[in-house]
C-alpha atoms as a PDB file:
ATOM      1  CA  MET A   1      19.816  25.163   9.293  1.00  0.00           C
ATOM      2  CA  LEU A   2      19.804  22.539   6.560  1.00  0.00           C
ATOM      3  CA  GLN A   3      21.494  20.038   8.838  1.00  0.00           C
ATOM      4  CA  TYR A   4      18.816  20.745  11.470  1.00  0.00           C
ATOM      5  CA  TYR A   5      16.021  19.922   8.999  1.00  0.00           C
ATOM      6  CA  LEU A   6      17.850  16.823   7.846  1.00  0.00           C
ATOM      7  CA  GLY A   7      18.169  15.669  11.440  1.00  0.00           C
ATOM      8  CA  VAL A   8      14.461  16.258  12.134  1.00  0.00           C
ATOM      9  CA  TYR A   9      13.557  14.490   8.874  1.00  0.00           C
ATOM     10  CA  GLY A  10      15.709  11.519   9.906  1.00  0.00           C
ATOM     11  CA  VAL A  11      14.023  11.277  13.267  1.00  0.00           C
ATOM     12  CA  VAL A  12      10.546  11.508  11.695  1.00  0.00           C
ATOM     13  CA  VAL A  13      11.385   8.777   9.230  1.00  0.00           C
ATOM     14  CA  CYS A  14      12.686   6.557  12.055  1.00  0.00           C
ATOM     15  CA  VAL A  15       9.571   7.076  14.115  1.00  0.00           C
ATOM     16  CA  ILE A  16       7.234   6.460  11.176  1.00  0.00           C
ATOM     17  CA  GLY A  17       9.196   3.285  10.244  1.00  0.00           C
ATOM     18  CA  TYR A  18       9.057   2.085  13.848  1.00  0.00           C
ATOM     19  CA  LEU A  19       5.283   2.712  14.068  1.00  0.00           C
ATOM     20  CA  TYR A  20       4.688   1.039  10.723  1.00  0.00           C
ATOM     21  CA  ALA A  21       6.648  -2.049  11.790  1.00  0.00           C
ATOM     22  CA  LEU A  22       4.761  -2.136  15.117  1.00  0.00           C
ATOM     23  CA  VAL A  23       1.354  -1.945  13.386  1.00  0.00           C
ATOM     24  CA  GLU A  24       2.339  -4.522  10.811  1.00  0.00           C
ATOM     25  CA  TRP A  25       3.562  -6.896  13.545  1.00  0.00           C
ATOM     26  CA  HIS A  26       0.322  -6.333  15.538  1.00  0.00           C
ATOM     27  CA  LEU A  27      -1.868  -7.046  12.489  1.00  0.00           C
ATOM     28  CA  ARG A  28       0.110 -10.131  11.620  1.00  0.00           C
ATOM     29  CA  ASN A  29      -0.161 -11.359  15.211  1.00  0.00           C
ATOM     30  CA  ARG A  30      -3.958 -10.787  15.306  1.00  0.00           C
ATOM     31  CA  ARG A  31      -4.388 -12.556  11.942  1.00  0.00           C
ATOM     32  CA  TYR A  32      -2.345 -15.496  13.316  1.00  0.00           C
ATOM     33  CA  THR A  33      -4.436 -15.815  16.498  1.00  0.00           C
ATOM     34  CA  MET A  34      -7.642 -15.519  14.444  1.00  0.00           C
ATOM     35  CA  ALA A  35      -6.514 -18.359  12.204  1.00  0.00           C
ATOM     36  CA  ILE A  36      -5.878 -20.443  15.290  1.00  0.00           C
ATOM     37  CA  GLU A  37      -9.288 -19.716  16.719  1.00  0.00           C
ATOM     38  CA  HIS A  38     -11.063 -20.587  13.442  1.00  0.00           C
ATOM     39  CA  ARG A  39      -9.474 -24.043  13.352  1.00  0.00           C
END
């Protein structure tokens, strides 16, 4: 049972890390395009 919980925890951490990287990349992209438009 402990291994099952560790596996679920690993998957959750992977998904959260993936979503965090995706959001961070999206925000950086938007900030970059906004800087170009303001020029």
